[in-house]
Amino acid sequence: MQIEKNIPVPSKGRWGQLATFKLMAEQMKIGDSVLFENRTEASKLYQAIRNLGSLGTLMYTKDNPPYDATTRKEKNGTRVWRIK
């Protein structure tokens, strides 16, 4: 067992560990994209973008969300675009 110093405490709250992806999603403009080596990480950003503006209840229809994203597999991983 080893004592470690300067390890940041993960964020608590509604977004929990997804806080990083929420912040990234909030900073993205329509047409921006991010390439991930890991498909799981790409999925987290995809969901964070689609959840922007949600207050826990559906205030929009499933077919017309206020924010939207798409993903595509590339040679080096999976890319996520904000498209709406």
Protein backbone atom coordinates (compact mmCIF):
# COMPACT_ATOMS: atom_id res chain seq x y z
CA MET A 1 0.00 0.00 0.00
CA GLN A 2 1.30 3.44 -0.90
CA ILE A 3 0.29 6.99 0.04
CA GLU A 4 -0.26 9.19 -3.02
CA LYS A 5 -0.39 12.96 -3.10
CA ASN A 6 -2.10 15.47 -5.41
CA ILE A 7 -4.70 13.04 -6.78
CA PRO A 8 -7.83 15.08 -7.66
CA VAL A 9 -11.14 13.96 -6.14
CA PRO A 10 -13.66 12.98 -8.84
CA SER A 11 -16.65 15.25 -9.26
CA LYS A 12 -19.87 14.40 -7.44
CA GLY A 13 -23.34 15.39 -8.40
CA ARG A 14 -25.81 14.66 -11.14
CA TRP A 15 -23.15 14.21 -13.82
CA GLY A 16 -20.62 12.36 -11.64
CA GLN A 17 -17.72 11.04 -13.71
CA LEU A 18 -19.35 12.37 -16.87
CA ALA A 19 -18.62 15.98 -15.83
CA THR A 20 -15.63 16.08 -18.19
CA PHE A 21 -17.80 15.08 -21.13
CA LYS A 22 -20.52 17.55 -20.15
CA LEU A 23 -18.00 20.40 -20.10
CA MET A 24 -16.60 19.32 -23.46
CA ALA A 25 -20.11 19.12 -24.94
CA GLU A 26 -20.95 22.62 -23.66
CA GLN A 27 -17.84 24.03 -25.35
CA MET A 28 -18.50 22.40 -28.73
CA LYS A 29 -20.06 24.39 -31.56
CA ILE A 30 -22.05 22.90 -34.41
CA GLY A 31 -19.58 21.18 -36.77
CA ASP A 32 -16.92 20.57 -34.08
CA SER A 33 -15.69 17.00 -33.62
CA VAL A 34 -13.53 14.93 -31.28
CA LEU A 35 -11.68 11.71 -32.15
CA PHE A 36 -11.57 8.97 -29.49
CA GLU A 37 -9.49 5.79 -29.59
CA ASN A 38 -12.08 4.16 -27.34
CA ARG A 39 -15.70 3.75 -28.52
CA THR A 40 -16.95 3.83 -24.91
CA GLU A 41 -15.49 7.30 -24.43
CA ALA A 42 -17.02 8.44 -27.72
CA SER A 43 -20.42 7.21 -26.53
CA LYS A 44 -20.11 9.27 -23.34
CA LEU A 45 -19.55 12.48 -25.31
CA TYR A 46 -22.36 11.58 -27.72
CA GLN A 47 -24.78 11.20 -24.80
CA ALA A 48 -23.50 14.37 -23.11
CA ILE A 49 -24.23 16.39 -26.26
CA ARG A 50 -27.72 14.90 -26.62
CA ASN A 51 -28.44 15.58 -22.92
CA LEU A 52 -27.54 19.28 -23.12
CA GLY A 53 -30.54 21.37 -22.21
CA SER A 54 -32.34 18.46 -20.55
CA LEU A 55 -33.67 19.20 -17.09
CA GLY A 56 -34.47 15.63 -16.20
CA THR A 57 -37.76 15.63 -18.10
CA LEU A 58 -38.21 15.39 -21.82
CA MET A 59 -38.86 18.93 -23.00
CA TYR A 60 -38.48 17.93 -26.64
CA THR A 61 -39.49 15.04 -28.82
CA LYS A 62 -37.19 12.09 -29.39
CA ASP A 63 -37.15 12.86 -33.11
CA ASN A 64 -36.25 16.52 -32.65
CA PRO A 65 -33.81 17.06 -29.74
CA PRO A 66 -32.47 20.60 -29.20
CA TYR A 67 -28.88 19.28 -29.41
CA ASP A 68 -27.71 16.37 -31.52
CA ALA A 69 -24.55 14.47 -32.37
CA THR A 70 -23.41 11.75 -34.72
CA THR A 71 -20.51 9.30 -34.67
CA ARG A 72 -18.44 7.63 -37.37
CA LYS A 73 -15.78 4.95 -37.11
CA GLU A 74 -12.42 6.03 -38.52
CA LYS A 75 -9.03 4.35 -38.93
CA ASN A 76 -7.76 5.63 -35.59
CA GLY A 77 -10.97 5.33 -33.55
CA THR A 78 -14.45 6.84 -33.36
CA ARG A 79 -15.22 10.50 -34.10
CA VAL A 80 -18.12 12.40 -32.51
CA TRP A 81 -19.57 15.53 -34.20
CA ARG A 82 -22.00 18.02 -32.75
CA ILE A 83 -24.52 18.49 -35.59
CA LYS A 84 -27.26 20.52 -33.91
